[in-house]
């Protein structure tokens, strides 16, 4: 069964990881960032070794986001960042092929333990099954 496993973050979190802390997120040191990347690389390596990793990517900061919608007259409406008031958005994801929901939940629990500075916001790790066909979960 395939699952999408997602982590969230805000613009303030990305700024904090580059050393600019705020009331929403304390500044990260270079060591903090290195520990986070090493932790995530360890997870990726383990998932590749077990054959459960299909894909996984970290995403750029929300300020580089583009929203595309349809206006009231049917025209395309494009809005580019930055979005100062935007809350959490997708910060990274894995597509995993796991035996069952219990196994992917074990992986998500490990991801949730990613090291970060004290006082940094904690977001839940989100798991969504991926449908293989019309109306059929994987």
N, C-alpha and C. Protein backbone atom coordinates (compact mmCIF):
# COMPACT_ATOMS: atom_id res chain seq x y z
N UNK A 1 0.84 -1.18 0.00
CA UNK A 1 0.00 0.00 0.00
C UNK A 1 0.88 1.24 0.00
N UNK A 2 0.50 2.21 -0.78
CA UNK A 2 1.27 3.45 -0.84
C UNK A 2 0.61 4.51 0.04
N UNK A 3 1.48 5.30 0.67
CA UNK A 3 1.04 6.36 1.57
C UNK A 3 1.84 7.63 1.28
N UNK A 4 1.18 8.76 1.44
CA UNK A 4 1.85 10.06 1.42
C UNK A 4 2.03 10.47 2.87
N UNK A 5 3.27 10.70 3.27
CA UNK A 5 3.60 11.12 4.63
C UNK A 5 4.11 12.56 4.53
N UNK A 6 3.46 13.48 5.25
CA UNK A 6 3.75 14.90 5.08
C UNK A 6 4.16 15.55 6.39
N UNK A 7 5.09 16.49 6.26
CA UNK A 7 5.47 17.36 7.38
C UNK A 7 5.14 18.79 6.98
N UNK A 8 4.81 19.59 7.98
CA UNK A 8 4.39 20.97 7.73
C UNK A 8 5.41 21.96 8.25
N UNK A 9 5.30 23.19 7.80
CA UNK A 9 6.14 24.27 8.28
C UNK A 9 5.57 25.60 7.84
N UNK A 10 5.99 26.65 8.50
CA UNK A 10 5.54 28.00 8.16
C UNK A 10 6.74 28.81 7.66
N UNK A 11 6.47 29.97 7.11
CA UNK A 11 7.55 30.85 6.67
C UNK A 11 8.47 31.18 7.85
N UNK A 12 7.88 31.40 9.03
CA UNK A 12 8.68 31.69 10.23
C UNK A 12 9.64 30.55 10.54
N UNK A 13 9.22 29.30 10.31
CA UNK A 13 10.09 28.15 10.57
C UNK A 13 11.29 28.15 9.62
N UNK A 14 11.05 28.44 8.35
CA UNK A 14 12.14 28.48 7.38
C UNK A 14 13.11 29.61 7.73
N UNK A 15 12.58 30.76 8.13
CA UNK A 15 13.44 31.87 8.52
C UNK A 15 14.25 31.51 9.76
N UNK A 16 13.61 30.82 10.72
CA UNK A 16 14.31 30.40 11.93
C UNK A 16 15.46 29.45 11.60
N UNK A 17 15.25 28.56 10.60
CA UNK A 17 16.32 27.62 10.22
C UNK A 17 17.48 28.35 9.54
N UNK A 18 17.24 29.57 9.07
CA UNK A 18 18.34 30.34 8.48
C UNK A 18 18.90 31.33 9.51
N UNK A 19 18.50 31.16 10.79
CA UNK A 19 19.08 31.96 11.86
C UNK A 19 18.28 33.17 12.29
N UNK A 20 17.12 33.39 11.68
CA UNK A 20 16.29 34.56 12.02
C UNK A 20 15.09 34.10 12.85
N UNK A 21 15.25 34.11 14.16
CA UNK A 21 14.19 33.69 15.04
C UNK A 21 13.07 34.72 15.13
N UNK A 22 11.94 34.29 15.67
CA UNK A 22 10.79 35.18 15.86
C UNK A 22 9.98 34.66 17.03
N UNK A 23 8.88 35.34 17.31
CA UNK A 23 7.99 34.88 18.38
C UNK A 23 7.40 33.52 18.05
N UNK A 24 7.27 33.19 16.76
CA UNK A 24 6.70 31.91 16.36
C UNK A 24 7.71 30.76 16.39
N UNK A 25 9.00 31.07 16.20
CA UNK A 25 9.99 30.00 16.11
C UNK A 25 11.38 30.55 16.47
N UNK A 26 12.07 29.92 17.43
CA UNK A 26 13.41 30.40 17.81
C UNK A 26 14.43 30.15 16.69
N UNK A 27 15.46 30.96 16.66
CA UNK A 27 16.53 30.81 15.67
C UNK A 27 17.22 29.46 15.85
N UNK A 28 17.50 28.81 14.72
CA UNK A 28 18.25 27.56 14.71
C UNK A 28 19.73 27.89 14.52
N UNK A 29 20.59 27.14 15.19
CA UNK A 29 22.03 27.25 14.94
C UNK A 29 22.39 26.37 13.74
N UNK A 30 23.60 26.55 13.22
CA UNK A 30 24.05 25.68 12.13
C UNK A 30 24.07 24.22 12.59
N UNK A 31 24.44 24.00 13.85
CA UNK A 31 24.46 22.64 14.39
C UNK A 31 23.05 22.06 14.42
N UNK A 32 22.05 22.86 14.82
CA UNK A 32 20.66 22.39 14.83
C UNK A 32 20.23 21.94 13.44
N UNK A 33 20.55 22.74 12.43
CA UNK A 33 20.16 22.42 11.05
C UNK A 33 20.87 21.16 10.58
N UNK A 34 22.16 21.05 10.89
CA UNK A 34 22.93 19.86 10.50
C UNK A 34 22.35 18.60 11.14
N UNK A 35 21.97 18.70 12.42
CA UNK A 35 21.38 17.54 13.11
C UNK A 35 20.06 17.14 12.48
N UNK A 36 19.25 18.12 12.10
CA UNK A 36 17.96 17.83 11.46
C UNK A 36 18.18 17.13 10.12
N UNK A 37 19.10 17.67 9.30
CA UNK A 37 19.36 17.06 8.00
C UNK A 37 19.96 15.65 8.15
N UNK A 38 20.84 15.46 9.10
CA UNK A 38 21.42 14.13 9.33
C UNK A 38 20.35 13.14 9.78
N UNK A 39 19.45 13.58 10.63
CA UNK A 39 18.35 12.74 11.10
C UNK A 39 17.47 12.32 9.92
N UNK A 40 17.08 13.28 9.09
CA UNK A 40 16.23 12.99 7.94
C UNK A 40 16.95 12.09 6.93
N UNK A 41 18.24 12.31 6.73
CA UNK A 41 19.01 11.46 5.82
C UNK A 41 19.05 10.03 6.33
N UNK A 42 19.16 9.87 7.64
CA UNK A 42 19.14 8.53 8.23
C UNK A 42 17.82 7.82 7.97
N UNK A 43 16.72 8.56 8.11
CA UNK A 43 15.40 7.98 7.81
C UNK A 43 15.33 7.58 6.34
N UNK A 44 15.75 8.50 5.46
CA UNK A 44 15.71 8.22 4.01
C UNK A 44 16.55 7.00 3.66
N UNK A 45 17.75 6.91 4.25
CA UNK A 45 18.63 5.77 3.98
C UNK A 45 17.98 4.45 4.42
N UNK A 46 17.38 4.47 5.62
CA UNK A 46 16.72 3.26 6.13
C UNK A 46 15.55 2.85 5.25
N UNK A 47 14.75 3.84 4.80
CA UNK A 47 13.60 3.53 3.95
C UNK A 47 14.03 3.02 2.58
N UNK A 48 15.13 3.55 2.06
CA UNK A 48 15.65 3.06 0.79
C UNK A 48 16.13 1.62 0.95
N UNK A 49 16.78 1.34 2.07
CA UNK A 49 17.30 -0.01 2.32
C UNK A 49 16.17 -1.04 2.44
N UNK A 50 15.06 -0.65 3.07
CA UNK A 50 13.94 -1.59 3.23
C UNK A 50 13.10 -1.69 1.96
N UNK A 51 13.33 -0.79 1.00
CA UNK A 51 12.55 -0.78 -0.22
C UNK A 51 11.21 -0.06 -0.09
N UNK A 52 10.99 0.61 1.03
CA UNK A 52 9.71 1.29 1.26
C UNK A 52 9.68 2.70 0.65
N UNK A 53 10.84 3.27 0.36
CA UNK A 53 10.91 4.63 -0.17
C UNK A 53 10.58 4.62 -1.66
N UNK A 54 9.55 5.37 -2.03
CA UNK A 54 9.22 5.59 -3.44
C UNK A 54 9.78 6.94 -3.85
N UNK A 55 9.55 7.96 -3.02
CA UNK A 55 10.04 9.31 -3.27
C UNK A 55 9.99 10.07 -1.96
N UNK A 56 10.79 11.10 -1.85
CA UNK A 56 10.77 11.98 -0.69
C UNK A 56 11.48 13.26 -1.04
N UNK A 57 10.89 14.38 -0.65
CA UNK A 57 11.48 15.68 -0.99
C UNK A 57 11.18 16.69 0.09
N UNK A 58 12.15 17.58 0.32
CA UNK A 58 11.91 18.77 1.11
C UNK A 58 11.51 19.88 0.15
N UNK A 59 10.65 20.78 0.58
CA UNK A 59 10.17 21.84 -0.29
C UNK A 59 10.74 23.19 0.12
N UNK A 60 10.80 24.11 -0.84
CA UNK A 60 11.31 25.45 -0.54
C UNK A 60 10.33 26.20 0.36
N UNK A 61 10.78 27.30 0.86
CA UNK A 61 9.99 28.09 1.80
C UNK A 61 8.66 28.57 1.20
N UNK A 62 7.64 28.74 2.06
CA UNK A 62 6.34 29.20 1.57
C UNK A 62 6.39 30.52 0.80
N UNK A 63 7.37 31.37 1.06
CA UNK A 63 7.46 32.65 0.35
C UNK A 63 7.65 32.45 -1.15
N UNK A 64 8.09 31.28 -1.55
CA UNK A 64 8.30 30.98 -2.98
C UNK A 64 7.12 30.23 -3.59
N UNK A 65 6.00 30.22 -2.87
CA UNK A 65 4.80 29.52 -3.32
C UNK A 65 4.04 30.36 -4.34
N UNK A 66 3.37 29.69 -5.25
CA UNK A 66 2.46 30.35 -6.20
C UNK A 66 1.11 29.66 -6.09
N UNK A 67 0.06 30.47 -5.92
CA UNK A 67 -1.30 29.98 -5.90
C UNK A 67 -1.94 30.28 -7.25
N UNK A 68 -2.62 29.31 -7.83
CA UNK A 68 -3.30 29.47 -9.12
C UNK A 68 -4.76 29.09 -8.91
N UNK A 69 -5.65 30.00 -9.27
CA UNK A 69 -7.08 29.75 -9.11
C UNK A 69 -7.85 30.31 -10.29
N UNK A 70 -9.15 30.30 -10.16
CA UNK A 70 -10.03 30.82 -11.20
C UNK A 70 -10.86 31.95 -10.60
N UNK A 71 -10.85 33.12 -11.25
CA UNK A 71 -11.61 34.27 -10.80
C UNK A 71 -13.09 34.16 -11.15
N UNK A 72 -13.87 35.12 -10.69
CA UNK A 72 -15.32 35.09 -10.89
C UNK A 72 -15.72 35.15 -12.36
N UNK A 73 -14.86 35.74 -13.20
CA UNK A 73 -15.16 35.82 -14.63
C UNK A 73 -14.54 34.67 -15.41
N UNK A 74 -14.01 33.69 -14.70
CA UNK A 74 -13.43 32.53 -15.35
C UNK A 74 -11.97 32.69 -15.73
N UNK A 75 -11.37 33.83 -15.40
CA UNK A 75 -9.97 34.06 -15.74
C UNK A 75 -9.04 33.38 -14.72
N UNK A 76 -7.85 33.06 -15.15
CA UNK A 76 -6.85 32.50 -14.25
C UNK A 76 -6.33 33.60 -13.34
N UNK A 77 -6.27 33.31 -12.05
CA UNK A 77 -5.76 34.26 -11.06
C UNK A 77 -4.51 33.65 -10.45
N UNK A 78 -3.39 34.34 -10.59
CA UNK A 78 -2.10 33.86 -10.07
C UNK A 78 -1.65 34.80 -8.97
N UNK A 79 -1.30 34.23 -7.82
CA UNK A 79 -0.80 35.02 -6.71
C UNK A 79 0.54 34.42 -6.28
N UNK A 80 1.58 35.23 -6.33
CA UNK A 80 2.91 34.79 -5.90
C UNK A 80 3.17 35.25 -4.47
N UNK A 81 4.03 34.49 -3.74
CA UNK A 81 4.41 34.85 -2.38
C UNK A 81 5.28 36.08 -2.39
N UNK A 82 5.70 36.61 -1.26
CA UNK A 82 5.52 35.95 0.04
C UNK A 82 4.13 36.18 0.62
N UNK A 83 3.78 35.30 1.53
CA UNK A 83 2.49 35.35 2.20
C UNK A 83 2.74 35.48 3.69
N UNK A 84 2.79 36.69 4.17
CA UNK A 84 3.12 36.92 5.57
C UNK A 84 2.17 36.25 6.54
N UNK A 85 0.88 36.21 6.24
CA UNK A 85 -0.10 35.66 7.16
C UNK A 85 -0.37 34.18 6.96
N UNK A 86 0.34 33.54 6.05
CA UNK A 86 0.08 32.13 5.77
C UNK A 86 0.48 31.27 6.96
N UNK A 87 -0.38 30.36 7.30
CA UNK A 87 -0.06 29.43 8.38
C UNK A 87 0.79 28.31 7.80
N UNK A 88 0.72 27.15 8.40
CA UNK A 88 1.55 26.04 7.98
C UNK A 88 1.16 25.57 6.57
N UNK A 89 2.18 25.22 5.82
CA UNK A 89 2.02 24.62 4.50
C UNK A 89 2.88 23.36 4.47
N UNK A 90 2.75 22.61 3.40
CA UNK A 90 3.56 21.41 3.22
C UNK A 90 5.04 21.81 3.14
N UNK A 91 5.86 21.21 4.00
CA UNK A 91 7.29 21.50 4.02
C UNK A 91 8.11 20.38 3.39
N UNK A 92 7.57 19.18 3.40
CA UNK A 92 8.26 18.05 2.81
C UNK A 92 7.36 16.82 2.85
N UNK A 93 7.75 15.82 2.08
CA UNK A 93 6.91 14.63 2.00
C UNK A 93 7.72 13.40 1.63
N UNK A 94 7.12 12.25 1.90
CA UNK A 94 7.62 10.96 1.44
C UNK A 94 6.44 10.24 0.80
N UNK A 95 6.68 9.54 -0.27
CA UNK A 95 5.73 8.55 -0.79
C UNK A 95 6.35 7.21 -0.40
N UNK A 96 5.62 6.46 0.41
CA UNK A 96 6.14 5.20 0.93
C UNK A 96 5.24 4.05 0.51
N UNK A 97 5.86 2.93 0.26
CA UNK A 97 5.14 1.71 -0.07
C UNK A 97 5.35 0.76 1.11
N UNK A 98 4.36 0.72 2.00
CA UNK A 98 4.47 -0.04 3.24
C UNK A 98 3.44 -1.16 3.28
N UNK A 99 3.73 -2.15 4.09
CA UNK A 99 2.85 -3.31 4.22
C UNK A 99 1.47 -2.93 4.72
N UNK A 100 1.42 -1.97 5.69
CA UNK A 100 0.13 -1.62 6.28
C UNK A 100 0.23 -0.28 7.00
N UNK A 101 -0.92 0.18 7.49
CA UNK A 101 -0.99 1.47 8.18
C UNK A 101 -0.15 1.47 9.45
N UNK A 102 -0.06 0.36 10.12
CA UNK A 102 0.74 0.29 11.35
C UNK A 102 2.20 0.57 11.05
N UNK A 103 2.71 0.00 9.96
CA UNK A 103 4.12 0.22 9.61
C UNK A 103 4.38 1.68 9.26
N UNK A 104 3.53 2.29 8.46
CA UNK A 104 3.75 3.69 8.10
C UNK A 104 3.58 4.60 9.32
N UNK A 105 2.75 4.19 10.26
CA UNK A 105 2.59 4.96 11.51
C UNK A 105 3.88 4.89 12.33
N UNK A 106 4.55 3.74 12.35
CA UNK A 106 5.85 3.62 13.03
C UNK A 106 6.86 4.61 12.42
N UNK A 107 6.86 4.69 11.10
CA UNK A 107 7.79 5.59 10.40
C UNK A 107 7.44 7.04 10.74
N UNK A 108 6.15 7.38 10.72
CA UNK A 108 5.73 8.75 11.05
C UNK A 108 6.12 9.11 12.48
N UNK A 109 6.01 8.17 13.40
CA UNK A 109 6.40 8.43 14.79
C UNK A 109 7.89 8.72 14.88
N UNK A 110 8.67 8.05 14.07
CA UNK A 110 10.12 8.32 14.04
C UNK A 110 10.38 9.72 13.47
N UNK A 111 9.70 10.07 12.39
CA UNK A 111 9.86 11.40 11.78
C UNK A 111 9.49 12.49 12.78
N UNK A 112 8.44 12.26 13.56
CA UNK A 112 7.97 13.26 14.53
C UNK A 112 9.01 13.56 15.61
N UNK A 113 9.98 12.68 15.76
CA UNK A 113 11.03 12.87 16.77
C UNK A 113 12.25 13.59 16.21
N UNK A 114 12.10 14.23 15.08
CA UNK A 114 13.21 14.97 14.48
C UNK A 114 13.75 16.01 15.47
N UNK A 115 15.06 16.08 15.64
CA UNK A 115 15.60 17.05 16.58
C UNK A 115 15.36 18.48 16.10
N UNK A 116 15.09 19.36 17.05
CA UNK A 116 14.91 20.78 16.77
C UNK A 116 15.19 21.55 18.05
N UNK A 117 15.44 22.85 17.93
CA UNK A 117 15.72 23.63 19.14
C UNK A 117 14.51 23.68 20.07
N UNK A 118 14.77 23.82 21.35
CA UNK A 118 13.69 23.95 22.32
C UNK A 118 12.85 25.18 21.98
N UNK A 119 11.54 25.01 22.04
CA UNK A 119 10.62 26.11 21.76
C UNK A 119 10.17 26.19 20.32
N UNK A 120 10.77 25.36 19.44
CA UNK A 120 10.33 25.35 18.04
C UNK A 120 8.96 24.71 17.97
N UNK A 121 8.10 25.18 17.06
CA UNK A 121 6.76 24.60 16.96
C UNK A 121 6.81 23.13 16.56
N UNK A 122 5.89 22.38 17.10
CA UNK A 122 5.79 20.96 16.75
C UNK A 122 4.52 20.76 15.95
N UNK A 123 4.66 20.13 14.79
CA UNK A 123 3.53 19.85 13.91
C UNK A 123 3.35 18.34 13.82
N UNK A 124 2.11 17.89 13.68
CA UNK A 124 1.92 16.46 13.50
C UNK A 124 2.43 16.01 12.13
N UNK A 125 2.83 14.77 12.05
CA UNK A 125 3.17 14.15 10.78
C UNK A 125 1.86 13.59 10.23
N UNK A 126 1.53 13.92 8.99
CA UNK A 126 0.24 13.55 8.41
C UNK A 126 0.44 12.36 7.46
N UNK A 127 -0.41 11.36 7.60
CA UNK A 127 -0.38 10.17 6.73
C UNK A 127 -1.67 10.14 5.92
N UNK A 128 -1.53 9.99 4.61
CA UNK A 128 -2.70 9.85 3.74
C UNK A 128 -2.48 8.68 2.80
N UNK A 129 -3.39 7.70 2.78
CA UNK A 129 -3.28 6.61 1.80
C UNK A 129 -3.42 7.18 0.38
N UNK A 130 -2.72 6.59 -0.55
CA UNK A 130 -2.80 7.00 -1.95
C UNK A 130 -3.70 6.02 -2.68
N UNK A 131 -4.68 6.56 -3.39
CA UNK A 131 -5.59 5.71 -4.17
C UNK A 131 -4.88 5.22 -5.41
N UNK A 132 -5.03 3.93 -5.69
CA UNK A 132 -4.41 3.36 -6.89
C UNK A 132 -5.30 3.50 -8.11
N UNK A 133 -6.60 3.46 -7.90
CA UNK A 133 -7.55 3.56 -9.01
C UNK A 133 -8.80 4.25 -8.53
N UNK A 134 -9.79 4.36 -9.39
CA UNK A 134 -11.02 5.04 -9.01
C UNK A 134 -11.65 4.45 -7.74
N UNK A 135 -11.63 5.23 -6.66
CA UNK A 135 -12.28 4.81 -5.44
C UNK A 135 -11.60 3.69 -4.67
N UNK A 136 -10.44 3.26 -5.11
CA UNK A 136 -9.76 2.13 -4.46
C UNK A 136 -8.50 2.61 -3.74
N UNK A 137 -8.47 2.53 -2.39
CA UNK A 137 -7.22 2.87 -1.70
C UNK A 137 -6.16 1.82 -2.03
N UNK A 138 -4.92 2.26 -1.97
CA UNK A 138 -3.83 1.33 -2.28
C UNK A 138 -3.66 0.29 -1.21
